[in-house]
Amino acid sequence: MSIKLYGCTTQGMVHPIGLDEKNPEFAWKLQSEDKNVMQRSYHITVRKVKSREIVWDSGTVRSSCSVGIKYEGMEIAPCTAYAWCV
């Protein structure tokens, strides 16, 4: 079984710059050639790009939800680039 993630967004944007949102929302889509494939859980990490410091690790969350996942980490600093993965 192969699953592909695509369409990852933050606040509905693919590569947002200058977000003022303190708790942005993440979303993604799944694609599989197999039938009846569903997500059972997710794990998100957010880190500062420059220092690679992890500012949020959601841990494994048992959920089929892949839309509207709220950031719950350290306060987002201004003028700082972040990257996230799921």
N, C-alpha and C. Protein backbone atom coordinates (compact mmCIF):
# COMPACT_ATOMS: atom_id res chain seq x y z
N MET A 1 0.85 -1.17 0.00
CA MET A 1 0.00 0.00 0.00
C MET A 1 0.90 1.24 0.00
N SER A 2 0.62 2.15 -0.89
CA SER A 2 1.37 3.41 -0.91
C SER A 2 0.41 4.58 -0.72
N ILE A 3 0.83 5.51 0.12
CA ILE A 3 0.04 6.70 0.39
C ILE A 3 0.91 7.90 0.10
N LYS A 4 0.35 8.86 -0.59
CA LYS A 4 1.08 10.08 -0.92
C LYS A 4 0.36 11.27 -0.30
N LEU A 5 1.13 12.12 0.38
CA LEU A 5 0.59 13.37 0.90
C LEU A 5 0.81 14.45 -0.13
N TYR A 6 -0.16 15.31 -0.30
CA TYR A 6 0.00 16.44 -1.22
C TYR A 6 -0.92 17.57 -0.76
N GLY A 7 -0.76 18.71 -1.36
CA GLY A 7 -1.63 19.84 -1.04
C GLY A 7 -1.48 20.34 0.38
N CYS A 8 -0.27 20.26 0.94
CA CYS A 8 -0.05 20.74 2.31
C CYS A 8 -0.16 22.25 2.35
N THR A 9 -0.97 22.76 3.30
CA THR A 9 -1.16 24.20 3.41
C THR A 9 -1.08 24.66 4.87
N THR A 10 -0.73 25.92 5.02
CA THR A 10 -0.77 26.60 6.32
C THR A 10 -1.68 27.80 6.14
N GLN A 11 -2.74 27.86 6.93
CA GLN A 11 -3.74 28.93 6.79
C GLN A 11 -4.28 29.00 5.36
N GLY A 12 -4.37 27.85 4.70
CA GLY A 12 -4.91 27.78 3.36
C GLY A 12 -3.94 28.19 2.26
N MET A 13 -2.68 28.44 2.64
CA MET A 13 -1.67 28.87 1.66
C MET A 13 -0.54 27.84 1.57
N VAL A 14 0.03 27.70 0.38
CA VAL A 14 1.09 26.71 0.17
C VAL A 14 2.42 27.17 0.75
N HIS A 15 2.82 28.39 0.48
CA HIS A 15 4.09 28.92 1.00
C HIS A 15 3.83 30.31 1.60
N PRO A 16 3.16 30.36 2.75
CA PRO A 16 2.81 31.67 3.31
C PRO A 16 4.04 32.43 3.80
N ILE A 17 4.00 33.74 3.65
CA ILE A 17 5.06 34.61 4.14
C ILE A 17 4.40 35.70 4.98
N GLY A 18 4.94 35.94 6.16
CA GLY A 18 4.44 37.03 7.00
C GLY A 18 3.10 36.76 7.64
N LEU A 19 2.87 35.56 8.11
CA LEU A 19 1.61 35.28 8.80
C LEU A 19 1.57 35.98 10.14
N ASP A 20 0.44 36.55 10.49
CA ASP A 20 0.26 37.17 11.80
C ASP A 20 -0.50 36.25 12.74
N GLU A 21 -0.89 35.10 12.28
CA GLU A 21 -1.68 34.15 13.05
C GLU A 21 -0.81 33.49 14.13
N LYS A 22 -1.26 33.55 15.37
CA LYS A 22 -0.52 32.94 16.50
C LYS A 22 -0.66 31.42 16.50
N ASN A 23 -1.80 30.91 16.05
CA ASN A 23 -2.05 29.48 16.00
C ASN A 23 -2.55 29.09 14.62
N PRO A 24 -1.64 29.06 13.63
CA PRO A 24 -2.07 28.74 12.27
C PRO A 24 -2.64 27.33 12.17
N GLU A 25 -3.43 27.12 11.14
CA GLU A 25 -4.02 25.81 10.89
C GLU A 25 -3.29 25.13 9.73
N PHE A 26 -3.09 23.83 9.89
CA PHE A 26 -2.44 23.02 8.88
C PHE A 26 -3.47 22.12 8.21
N ALA A 27 -3.20 21.77 6.96
CA ALA A 27 -4.07 20.85 6.23
C ALA A 27 -3.25 20.12 5.18
N TRP A 28 -3.71 18.94 4.80
CA TRP A 28 -3.07 18.15 3.76
C TRP A 28 -4.08 17.21 3.16
N LYS A 29 -3.73 16.64 2.03
CA LYS A 29 -4.58 15.67 1.34
C LYS A 29 -3.80 14.38 1.18
N LEU A 30 -4.53 13.28 1.07
CA LEU A 30 -3.94 11.96 0.87
C LEU A 30 -4.36 11.40 -0.47
N GLN A 31 -3.46 10.67 -1.08
CA GLN A 31 -3.77 10.00 -2.34
C GLN A 31 -3.21 8.59 -2.28
N SER A 32 -3.96 7.64 -2.77
CA SER A 32 -3.51 6.26 -2.82
C SER A 32 -4.13 5.57 -4.03
N GLU A 33 -3.39 4.67 -4.62
CA GLU A 33 -3.92 3.87 -5.71
C GLU A 33 -4.81 2.75 -5.18
N ASP A 34 -4.66 2.43 -3.91
CA ASP A 34 -5.50 1.41 -3.28
C ASP A 34 -6.85 2.01 -2.90
N LYS A 35 -7.85 1.15 -2.78
CA LYS A 35 -9.19 1.60 -2.42
C LYS A 35 -9.37 1.58 -0.91
N ASN A 36 -10.27 2.44 -0.45
CA ASN A 36 -10.66 2.50 0.96
C ASN A 36 -9.48 2.77 1.90
N VAL A 37 -8.55 3.60 1.49
CA VAL A 37 -7.41 3.97 2.33
C VAL A 37 -7.78 5.21 3.11
N MET A 38 -7.61 5.15 4.41
CA MET A 38 -7.92 6.29 5.27
C MET A 38 -6.78 6.53 6.25
N GLN A 39 -6.63 7.76 6.62
CA GLN A 39 -5.67 8.13 7.64
C GLN A 39 -6.21 7.72 9.01
N ARG A 40 -5.35 7.15 9.84
CA ARG A 40 -5.75 6.79 11.20
C ARG A 40 -5.15 7.72 12.24
N SER A 41 -4.02 8.32 11.90
CA SER A 41 -3.34 9.21 12.83
C SER A 41 -2.43 10.14 12.05
N TYR A 42 -1.92 11.15 12.75
CA TYR A 42 -0.93 12.04 12.15
C TYR A 42 0.08 12.44 13.21
N HIS A 43 1.20 12.98 12.77
CA HIS A 43 2.27 13.47 13.65
C HIS A 43 2.89 14.67 12.95
N ILE A 44 2.77 15.83 13.55
CA ILE A 44 3.29 17.07 12.96
C ILE A 44 4.46 17.58 13.80
N THR A 45 5.50 18.03 13.11
CA THR A 45 6.58 18.76 13.78
C THR A 45 6.76 20.09 13.06
N VAL A 46 7.01 21.12 13.86
CA VAL A 46 7.27 22.46 13.33
C VAL A 46 8.62 22.88 13.90
N ARG A 47 9.48 23.40 13.02
CA ARG A 47 10.79 23.84 13.47
C ARG A 47 11.18 25.16 12.83
N LYS A 48 12.06 25.87 13.53
CA LYS A 48 12.63 27.09 12.96
C LYS A 48 13.59 26.67 11.86
N VAL A 49 13.52 27.32 10.72
CA VAL A 49 14.36 26.94 9.58
C VAL A 49 15.84 27.17 9.88
N LYS A 50 16.17 28.33 10.40
CA LYS A 50 17.58 28.68 10.59
C LYS A 50 18.27 27.81 11.66
N SER A 51 17.68 27.70 12.83
CA SER A 51 18.31 26.96 13.93
C SER A 51 17.91 25.48 13.96
N ARG A 52 16.87 25.12 13.21
CA ARG A 52 16.31 23.77 13.19
C ARG A 52 15.71 23.36 14.54
N GLU A 53 15.50 24.33 15.43
CA GLU A 53 14.90 24.07 16.73
C GLU A 53 13.44 23.66 16.55
N ILE A 54 13.06 22.57 17.16
CA ILE A 54 11.66 22.13 17.11
C ILE A 54 10.86 22.97 18.09
N VAL A 55 9.82 23.62 17.59
CA VAL A 55 8.97 24.46 18.43
C VAL A 55 7.63 23.79 18.73
N TRP A 56 7.31 22.73 17.99
CA TRP A 56 6.11 21.95 18.29
C TRP A 56 6.25 20.56 17.73
N ASP A 57 5.94 19.60 18.55
CA ASP A 57 5.87 18.20 18.16
C ASP A 57 4.53 17.70 18.67
N SER A 58 3.61 17.46 17.77
CA SER A 58 2.26 17.06 18.17
C SER A 58 2.22 15.68 18.80
N GLY A 59 3.27 14.89 18.57
CA GLY A 59 3.19 13.49 18.95
C GLY A 59 2.21 12.80 18.02
N THR A 60 2.01 11.54 18.19
CA THR A 60 1.05 10.83 17.36
C THR A 60 -0.36 11.11 17.85
N VAL A 61 -1.17 11.65 16.96
CA VAL A 61 -2.56 11.98 17.29
C VAL A 61 -3.45 11.03 16.51
N ARG A 62 -4.26 10.27 17.21
CA ARG A 62 -5.17 9.35 16.55
C ARG A 62 -6.37 10.14 16.02
N SER A 63 -6.36 10.35 14.71
CA SER A 63 -7.43 11.13 14.10
C SER A 63 -7.39 10.93 12.59
N SER A 64 -8.54 10.90 11.98
CA SER A 64 -8.62 10.84 10.52
C SER A 64 -8.66 12.25 9.93
N CYS A 65 -8.67 13.26 10.79
CA CYS A 65 -8.75 14.65 10.36
C CYS A 65 -7.43 15.10 9.72
N SER A 66 -7.54 15.80 8.60
CA SER A 66 -6.35 16.35 7.93
C SER A 66 -6.58 17.80 7.51
N VAL A 67 -7.56 18.44 8.12
CA VAL A 67 -7.90 19.83 7.82
C VAL A 67 -8.14 20.56 9.14
N GLY A 68 -7.64 21.79 9.22
CA GLY A 68 -7.92 22.61 10.40
C GLY A 68 -7.17 22.17 11.64
N ILE A 69 -6.00 21.59 11.47
CA ILE A 69 -5.20 21.15 12.61
C ILE A 69 -4.47 22.38 13.17
N LYS A 70 -4.81 22.78 14.38
CA LYS A 70 -4.28 24.00 14.99
C LYS A 70 -2.88 23.78 15.57
N TYR A 71 -1.99 24.73 15.31
CA TYR A 71 -0.66 24.77 15.90
C TYR A 71 -0.81 24.99 17.41
N GLU A 72 -0.09 24.20 18.21
CA GLU A 72 -0.18 24.30 19.66
C GLU A 72 1.20 24.35 20.31
N GLY A 73 2.16 24.96 19.61
CA GLY A 73 3.53 24.98 20.12
C GLY A 73 3.91 26.30 20.75
N MET A 74 5.23 26.50 20.84
CA MET A 74 5.79 27.73 21.39
C MET A 74 5.28 28.93 20.58
N GLU A 75 5.31 30.09 21.19
CA GLU A 75 4.84 31.29 20.51
C GLU A 75 5.65 31.52 19.23
N ILE A 76 4.93 31.83 18.16
CA ILE A 76 5.56 32.10 16.86
C ILE A 76 6.26 33.45 16.94
N ALA A 77 7.54 33.48 16.58
CA ALA A 77 8.32 34.72 16.63
C ALA A 77 8.18 35.48 15.32
N PRO A 78 8.15 36.80 15.37
CA PRO A 78 8.11 37.60 14.14
C PRO A 78 9.41 37.48 13.36
N CYS A 79 9.34 37.67 12.08
CA CYS A 79 10.52 37.66 11.19
C CYS A 79 11.32 36.37 11.30
N THR A 80 10.64 35.27 11.50
CA THR A 80 11.29 33.97 11.64
C THR A 80 10.65 32.98 10.68
N ALA A 81 11.47 32.25 9.95
CA ALA A 81 10.96 31.25 9.01
C ALA A 81 10.78 29.92 9.73
N TYR A 82 9.65 29.28 9.47
CA TYR A 82 9.33 27.97 10.06
C TYR A 82 9.04 26.98 8.95
N ALA A 83 9.26 25.72 9.24
CA ALA A 83 8.90 24.64 8.32
C ALA A 83 8.16 23.58 9.13
N TRP A 84 7.24 22.90 8.47
CA TRP A 84 6.52 21.84 9.15
C TRP A 84 6.46 20.60 8.29
N CYS A 85 6.32 19.46 8.95
CA CYS A 85 6.14 18.22 8.21
C CYS A 85 5.11 17.38 8.95
N VAL A 86 4.45 16.54 8.21
CA VAL A 86 3.42 15.67 8.76
C VAL A 86 3.72 14.25 8.34
